[in-house]
């Protein structure tokens, strides 16, 4: 599966999850949504970087607001 296809599926899952959670603001801050947002952000960074680019894990973690 290509990165673009994975991103499309993750974004579709996130959209459906957000629609299901829109009635309860507490439900918008669940760990699964936070993890999904991080995964989407990481995949976008990796997709935008060239295959020959070296990507540092610490930079990726900081980009998605995680502590290294």
PDB file of N, CA and C in Angstrom:
ATOM      1  N   UNK A   1       0.855  -1.173   0.000  1.00  0.00           N
ATOM      2  CA  UNK A   1       0.000   0.000   0.000  1.00  0.00           C
ATOM      3  C   UNK A   1       0.901   1.237   0.000  1.00  0.00           C
ATOM      4  N   UNK A   2       0.597   2.171  -0.838  1.00  0.00           N
ATOM      5  CA  UNK A   2       1.388   3.399  -0.942  1.00  0.00           C
ATOM      6  C   UNK A   2       0.995   4.379   0.158  1.00  0.00           C
ATOM      7  N   UNK A   3       1.925   5.289   0.461  1.00  0.00           N
ATOM      8  CA  UNK A   3       1.707   6.272   1.519  1.00  0.00           C
ATOM      9  C   UNK A   3       0.432   7.073   1.280  1.00  0.00           C
ATOM     10  N   UNK A   4       0.202   7.462   0.045  1.00  0.00           N
ATOM     11  CA  UNK A   4      -0.981   8.267  -0.274  1.00  0.00           C
ATOM     12  C   UNK A   4      -2.267   7.517   0.076  1.00  0.00           C
ATOM     13  N   UNK A   5      -2.311   6.237  -0.217  1.00  0.00           N
ATOM     14  CA  UNK A   5      -3.500   5.436   0.085  1.00  0.00           C
ATOM     15  C   UNK A   5      -3.693   5.295   1.591  1.00  0.00           C
ATOM     16  N   UNK A   6      -2.602   5.107   2.323  1.00  0.00           N
ATOM     17  CA  UNK A   6      -2.686   5.010   3.784  1.00  0.00           C
ATOM     18  C   UNK A   6      -3.192   6.324   4.363  1.00  0.00           C
ATOM     19  N   UNK A   7      -2.644   7.440   3.867  1.00  0.00           N
ATOM     20  CA  UNK A   7      -3.087   8.755   4.344  1.00  0.00           C
ATOM     21  C   UNK A   7      -4.573   8.967   4.082  1.00  0.00           C
ATOM     22  N   UNK A   8      -5.022   8.599   2.899  1.00  0.00           N
ATOM     23  CA  UNK A   8      -6.438   8.766   2.566  1.00  0.00           C
ATOM     24  C   UNK A   8      -7.323   7.966   3.517  1.00  0.00           C
ATOM     25  N   UNK A   9      -6.922   6.736   3.816  1.00  0.00           N
ATOM     26  CA  UNK A   9      -7.719   5.912   4.721  1.00  0.00           C
ATOM     27  C   UNK A   9      -7.700   6.457   6.149  1.00  0.00           C
ATOM     28  N   UNK A  10      -6.524   6.890   6.620  1.00  0.00           N
ATOM     29  CA  UNK A  10      -6.434   7.455   7.962  1.00  0.00           C
ATOM     30  C   UNK A  10      -7.264   8.724   8.081  1.00  0.00           C
ATOM     31  N   UNK A  11      -7.225   9.571   7.062  1.00  0.00           N
ATOM     32  CA  UNK A  11      -8.012  10.803   7.100  1.00  0.00           C
ATOM     33  C   UNK A  11      -9.509  10.505   7.043  1.00  0.00           C
ATOM     34  N   UNK A  12      -9.897   9.468   6.301  1.00  0.00           N
ATOM     35  CA  UNK A  12     -11.306   9.070   6.258  1.00  0.00           C
ATOM     36  C   UNK A  12     -11.745   8.550   7.629  1.00  0.00           C
ATOM     37  N   UNK A  13     -10.905   7.726   8.258  1.00  0.00           N
ATOM     38  CA  UNK A  13     -11.207   7.208   9.593  1.00  0.00           C
ATOM     39  C   UNK A  13     -11.327   8.356  10.590  1.00  0.00           C
ATOM     40  N   UNK A  14     -10.403   9.317  10.517  1.00  0.00           N
ATOM     41  CA  UNK A  14     -10.434  10.468  11.424  1.00  0.00           C
ATOM     42  C   UNK A  14     -11.710  11.281  11.224  1.00  0.00           C
ATOM     43  N   UNK A  15     -12.067  11.491   9.956  1.00  0.00           N
ATOM     44  CA  UNK A  15     -13.280  12.260   9.651  1.00  0.00           C
ATOM     45  C   UNK A  15     -14.522  11.564  10.233  1.00  0.00           C
ATOM     46  N   UNK A  16     -14.617  10.254  10.042  1.00  0.00           N
ATOM     47  CA  UNK A  16     -15.752   9.511  10.579  1.00  0.00           C
ATOM     48  C   UNK A  16     -15.772   9.567  12.105  1.00  0.00           C
ATOM     49  N   UNK A  17     -14.605   9.450  12.700  1.00  0.00           N
ATOM     50  CA  UNK A  17     -14.501   9.505  14.173  1.00  0.00           C
ATOM     51  C   UNK A  17     -14.921  10.875  14.694  1.00  0.00           C
ATOM     52  N   UNK A  18     -14.509  11.929  13.981  1.00  0.00           N
ATOM     53  CA  UNK A  18     -14.885  13.287  14.386  1.00  0.00           C
ATOM     54  C   UNK A  18     -16.392  13.496  14.248  1.00  0.00           C
ATOM     55  N   UNK A  19     -16.979  12.964  13.189  1.00  0.00           N
ATOM     56  CA  UNK A  19     -18.433  13.080  13.031  1.00  0.00           C
ATOM     57  C   UNK A  19     -19.163  12.371  14.158  1.00  0.00           C
ATOM     58  N   UNK A  20     -18.665  11.223  14.566  1.00  0.00           N
ATOM     59  CA  UNK A  20     -19.297  10.479  15.656  1.00  0.00           C
ATOM     60  C   UNK A  20     -19.116  11.173  17.001  1.00  0.00           C
ATOM     61  N   UNK A  21     -18.053  11.947  17.142  1.00  0.00           N
ATOM     62  CA  UNK A  21     -17.737  12.571  18.429  1.00  0.00           C
ATOM     63  C   UNK A  21     -18.233  14.011  18.542  1.00  0.00           C
ATOM     64  N   UNK A  22     -18.826  14.546  17.518  1.00  0.00           N
ATOM     65  CA  UNK A  22     -19.141  15.974  17.517  1.00  0.00           C
ATOM     66  C   UNK A  22     -20.158  16.392  18.579  1.00  0.00           C
ATOM     67  N   UNK A  23     -20.910  15.458  19.117  1.00  0.00           N
ATOM     68  CA  UNK A  23     -21.901  15.803  20.132  1.00  0.00           C
ATOM     69  C   UNK A  23     -21.302  15.978  21.527  1.00  0.00           C
ATOM     70  N   UNK A  24     -20.132  15.425  21.732  1.00  0.00           N
ATOM     71  CA  UNK A  24     -19.515  15.442  23.057  1.00  0.00           C
ATOM     72  C   UNK A  24     -18.110  16.015  22.945  1.00  0.00           C
ATOM     73  N   UNK A  25     -17.902  17.230  23.442  1.00  0.00           N
ATOM     74  CA  UNK A  25     -16.595  17.874  23.292  1.00  0.00           C
ATOM     75  C   UNK A  25     -15.493  17.102  24.007  1.00  0.00           C
ATOM     76  N   UNK A  26     -15.839  16.387  25.081  1.00  0.00           N
ATOM     77  CA  UNK A  26     -14.833  15.571  25.782  1.00  0.00           C
ATOM     78  C   UNK A  26     -14.327  14.465  24.866  1.00  0.00           C
ATOM     79  N   UNK A  27     -15.194  13.951  24.040  1.00  0.00           N
ATOM     80  CA  UNK A  27     -14.852  12.846  23.152  1.00  0.00           C
ATOM     81  C   UNK A  27     -13.863  13.271  22.065  1.00  0.00           C
ATOM     82  N   UNK A  28     -13.721  14.575  21.841  1.00  0.00           N
ATOM     83  CA  UNK A  28     -12.798  15.063  20.810  1.00  0.00           C
ATOM     84  C   UNK A  28     -11.344  14.994  21.261  1.00  0.00           C
ATOM     85  N   UNK A  29     -11.109  14.735  22.529  1.00  0.00           N
ATOM     86  CA  UNK A  29      -9.743  14.701  23.052  1.00  0.00           C
ATOM     87  C   UNK A  29      -9.385  13.316  23.579  1.00  0.00           C
ATOM     88  N   UNK A  30      -9.793  12.310  22.873  1.00  0.00           N
ATOM     89  CA  UNK A  30      -9.499  10.942  23.253  1.00  0.00           C
ATOM     90  C   UNK A  30      -8.140  10.525  22.694  1.00  0.00           C
ATOM     91  N   UNK A  31      -7.468   9.600  23.350  1.00  0.00           N
ATOM     92  CA  UNK A  31      -6.145   9.159  22.907  1.00  0.00           C
ATOM     93  C   UNK A  31      -6.121   8.626  21.474  1.00  0.00           C
ATOM     94  N   UNK A  32      -7.213   7.992  21.037  1.00  0.00           N
ATOM     95  CA  UNK A  32      -7.204   7.463  19.674  1.00  0.00           C
ATOM     96  C   UNK A  32      -7.156   8.580  18.639  1.00  0.00           C
ATOM     97  N   UNK A  33      -7.854   9.685  18.911  1.00  0.00           N
ATOM     98  CA  UNK A  33      -7.808  10.815  17.980  1.00  0.00           C
ATOM     99  C   UNK A  33      -6.441  11.482  17.998  1.00  0.00           C
ATOM    100  N   UNK A  34      -5.853  11.624  19.173  1.00  0.00           N
ATOM    101  CA  UNK A  34      -4.520  12.209  19.274  1.00  0.00           C
ATOM    102  C   UNK A  34      -3.502  11.348  18.522  1.00  0.00           C
ATOM    103  N   UNK A  35      -3.576  10.043  18.702  1.00  0.00           N
ATOM    104  CA  UNK A  35      -2.659   9.129  18.015  1.00  0.00           C
ATOM    105  C   UNK A  35      -2.875   9.169  16.502  1.00  0.00           C
ATOM    106  N   UNK A  36      -4.117   9.254  16.081  1.00  0.00           N
ATOM    107  CA  UNK A  36      -4.430   9.326  14.659  1.00  0.00           C
ATOM    108  C   UNK A  36      -3.880  10.610  14.051  1.00  0.00           C
ATOM    109  N   UNK A  37      -4.037  11.726  14.754  1.00  0.00           N
ATOM    110  CA  UNK A  37      -3.493  12.993  14.278  1.00  0.00           C
ATOM    111  C   UNK A  37      -1.972  12.916  14.132  1.00  0.00           C
ATOM    112  N   UNK A  38      -1.319  12.297  15.115  1.00  0.00           N
ATOM    113  CA  UNK A  38       0.142  12.145  15.056  1.00  0.00           C
ATOM    114  C   UNK A  38       0.557  11.284  13.867  1.00  0.00           C
ATOM    115  N   UNK A  39      -0.137  10.183  13.675  1.00  0.00           N
ATOM    116  CA  UNK A  39       0.202   9.286  12.564  1.00  0.00           C
ATOM    117  C   UNK A  39       0.024   9.980  11.228  1.00  0.00           C
ATOM    118  N   UNK A  40      -1.044  10.740  11.083  1.00  0.00           N
ATOM    119  CA  UNK A  40      -1.288  11.473   9.838  1.00  0.00           C
ATOM    120  C   UNK A  40      -0.190  12.509   9.616  1.00  0.00           C
ATOM    121  N   UNK A  41       0.157  13.247  10.652  1.00  0.00           N
ATOM    122  CA  UNK A  41       1.217  14.257  10.539  1.00  0.00           C
ATOM    123  C   UNK A  41       2.554  13.624  10.158  1.00  0.00           C
ATOM    124  N   UNK A  42       2.893  12.525  10.807  1.00  0.00           N
ATOM    125  CA  UNK A  42       4.156  11.847  10.511  1.00  0.00           C
ATOM    126  C   UNK A  42       4.194  11.344   9.070  1.00  0.00           C
ATOM    127  N   UNK A  43       3.103  10.758   8.626  1.00  0.00           N
ATOM    128  CA  UNK A  43       3.065  10.263   7.247  1.00  0.00           C
ATOM    129  C   UNK A  43       3.179  11.395   6.238  1.00  0.00           C
ATOM    130  N   UNK A  44       2.550  12.527   6.536  1.00  0.00           N
ATOM    131  CA  UNK A  44       2.651  13.673   5.632  1.00  0.00           C
ATOM    132  C   UNK A  44       4.090  14.176   5.551  1.00  0.00           C
ATOM    133  N   UNK A  45       4.779  14.221   6.694  1.00  0.00           N
ATOM    134  CA  UNK A  45       6.179  14.651   6.698  1.00  0.00           C
ATOM    135  C   UNK A  45       7.024  13.681   5.888  1.00  0.00           C
ATOM    136  N   UNK A  46       6.822  12.399   6.103  1.00  0.00           N
ATOM    137  CA  UNK A  46       7.593  11.399   5.372  1.00  0.00           C
ATOM    138  C   UNK A  46       7.289  11.429   3.880  1.00  0.00           C
ATOM    139  N   UNK A  47       6.040  11.664   3.525  1.00  0.00           N
ATOM    140  CA  UNK A  47       5.658  11.723   2.115  1.00  0.00           C
ATOM    141  C   UNK A  47       6.296  12.932   1.420  1.00  0.00           C
ATOM    142  N   UNK A  48       6.366  14.052   2.138  1.00  0.00           N
ATOM    143  CA  UNK A  48       6.924  15.272   1.556  1.00  0.00           C
ATOM    144  C   UNK A  48       8.439  15.211   1.438  1.00  0.00           C
ATOM    145  N   UNK A  49       9.086  14.430   2.309  1.00  0.00           N
ATOM    146  CA  UNK A  49      10.541  14.330   2.225  1.00  0.00           C
ATOM    147  C   UNK A  49      10.894  13.366   1.096  1.00  0.00           C
ATOM    148  N   UNK A  50      11.991  13.643   0.446  1.00  0.00           N
ATOM    149  CA  UNK A  50      12.423  12.767  -0.635  1.00  0.00           C
ATOM    150  C   UNK A  50      12.951  11.458  -0.086  1.00  0.00           C
ATOM    151  N   UNK A  51      12.998  10.458  -0.931  1.00  0.00           N
ATOM    152  CA  UNK A  51      13.477   9.150  -0.487  1.00  0.00           C
ATOM    153  C   UNK A  51      14.938   9.208  -0.061  1.00  0.00           C
ATOM    154  N   UNK A  52      15.694  10.163  -0.572  1.00  0.00           N
ATOM    155  CA  UNK A  52      17.105  10.270  -0.223  1.00  0.00           C
ATOM    156  C   UNK A  52      17.336  11.178   0.980  1.00  0.00           C
ATOM    157  N   UNK A  53      16.279  11.856   1.426  1.00  0.00           N
ATOM    158  CA  UNK A  53      16.412  12.730   2.594  1.00  0.00           C
ATOM    159  C   UNK A  53      16.514  11.883   3.851  1.00  0.00           C
ATOM    160  N   UNK A  54      17.377  12.301   4.744  1.00  0.00           N
ATOM    161  CA  UNK A  54      17.388  11.614   6.036  1.00  0.00           C
ATOM    162  C   UNK A  54      16.470  12.395   6.962  1.00  0.00           C
ATOM    163  N   UNK A  55      15.592  11.695   7.616  1.00  0.00           N
ATOM    164  CA  UNK A  55      14.632  12.318   8.524  1.00  0.00           C
ATOM    165  C   UNK A  55      15.011  11.884   9.934  1.00  0.00           C
ATOM    166  N   UNK A  56      15.168  12.833  10.802  1.00  0.00           N
ATOM    167  CA  UNK A  56      15.551  12.527  12.176  1.00  0.00           C
ATOM    168  C   UNK A  56      14.320  12.290  13.025  1.00  0.00           C
ATOM    169  N   UNK A  57      14.373  11.259  13.825  1.00  0.00           N
ATOM    170  CA  UNK A  57      13.240  10.880  14.658  1.00  0.00           C
ATOM    171  C   UNK A  57      12.872  12.013  15.609  1.00  0.00           C
ATOM    172  N   UNK A  58      13.850  12.661  16.204  1.00  0.00           N
ATOM    173  CA  UNK A  58      13.566  13.746  17.144  1.00  0.00           C
ATOM    174  C   UNK A  58      12.788  14.868  16.454  1.00  0.00           C
ATOM    175  N   UNK A  59      13.157  15.211  15.226  1.00  0.00           N
ATOM    176  CA  UNK A  59      12.459  16.252  14.477  1.00  0.00           C
ATOM    177  C   UNK A  59      11.011  15.846  14.205  1.00  0.00           C
ATOM    178  N   UNK A  60      10.812  14.577  13.874  1.00  0.00           N
ATOM    179  CA  UNK A  60       9.464  14.097  13.628  1.00  0.00           C
ATOM    180  C   UNK A  60       8.608  14.158  14.895  1.00  0.00           C
ATOM    181  N   UNK A  61       9.186  13.742  15.994  1.00  0.00           N
ATOM    182  CA  UNK A  61       8.443  13.770  17.250  1.00  0.00           C
ATOM    183  C   UNK A  61       8.073  15.190  17.653  1.00  0.00           C
ATOM    184  N   UNK A  62       9.003  16.114  17.474  1.00  0.00           N
ATOM    185  CA  UNK A  62       8.706  17.508  17.799  1.00  0.00           C
ATOM    186  C   UNK A  62       7.643  18.079  16.873  1.00  0.00           C
ATOM    187  N   UNK A  63       7.630  17.646  15.621  1.00  0.00           N
ATOM    188  CA  UNK A  63       6.644  18.138  14.651  1.00  0.00           C
ATOM    189  C   UNK A  63       5.230  17.744  15.022  1.00  0.00           C
ATOM    190  N   UNK A  64       5.079  16.643  15.726  1.00  0.00           N
ATOM    191  CA  UNK A  64       3.737  16.207  16.114  1.00  0.00           C
ATOM    192  C   UNK A  64       3.497  16.373  17.613  1.00  0.00           C
ATOM    193  N   UNK A  65       4.309  17.249  18.220  1.00  0.00           N
ATOM    194  CA  UNK A  65       4.145  17.612  19.626  1.00  0.00           C
ATOM    195  C   UNK A  65       4.306  16.445  20.605  1.00  0.00           C
ATOM    196  N   UNK A  66       5.263  15.578  20.330  1.00  0.00           N
ATOM    197  CA  UNK A  66       5.591  14.499  21.245  1.00  0.00           C
ATOM    198  C   UNK A  66       6.996  14.740  21.787  1.00  0.00           C
ATOM    199  N   UNK A  67       7.214  14.350  23.006  1.00  0.00           N
ATOM    200  CA  UNK A  67       8.555  14.503  23.590  1.00  0.00           C
ATOM    201  C   UNK A  67       9.419  13.337  23.149  1.00  0.00           C
ATOM    202  N   UNK A  68      10.669  13.628  22.752  1.00  0.00           N
ATOM    203  CA  UNK A  68      11.568  12.528  22.343  1.00  0.00           C
ATOM    204  C   UNK A  68      12.010  11.710  23.545  1.00  0.00           C
TER     205      UNK A  68
END
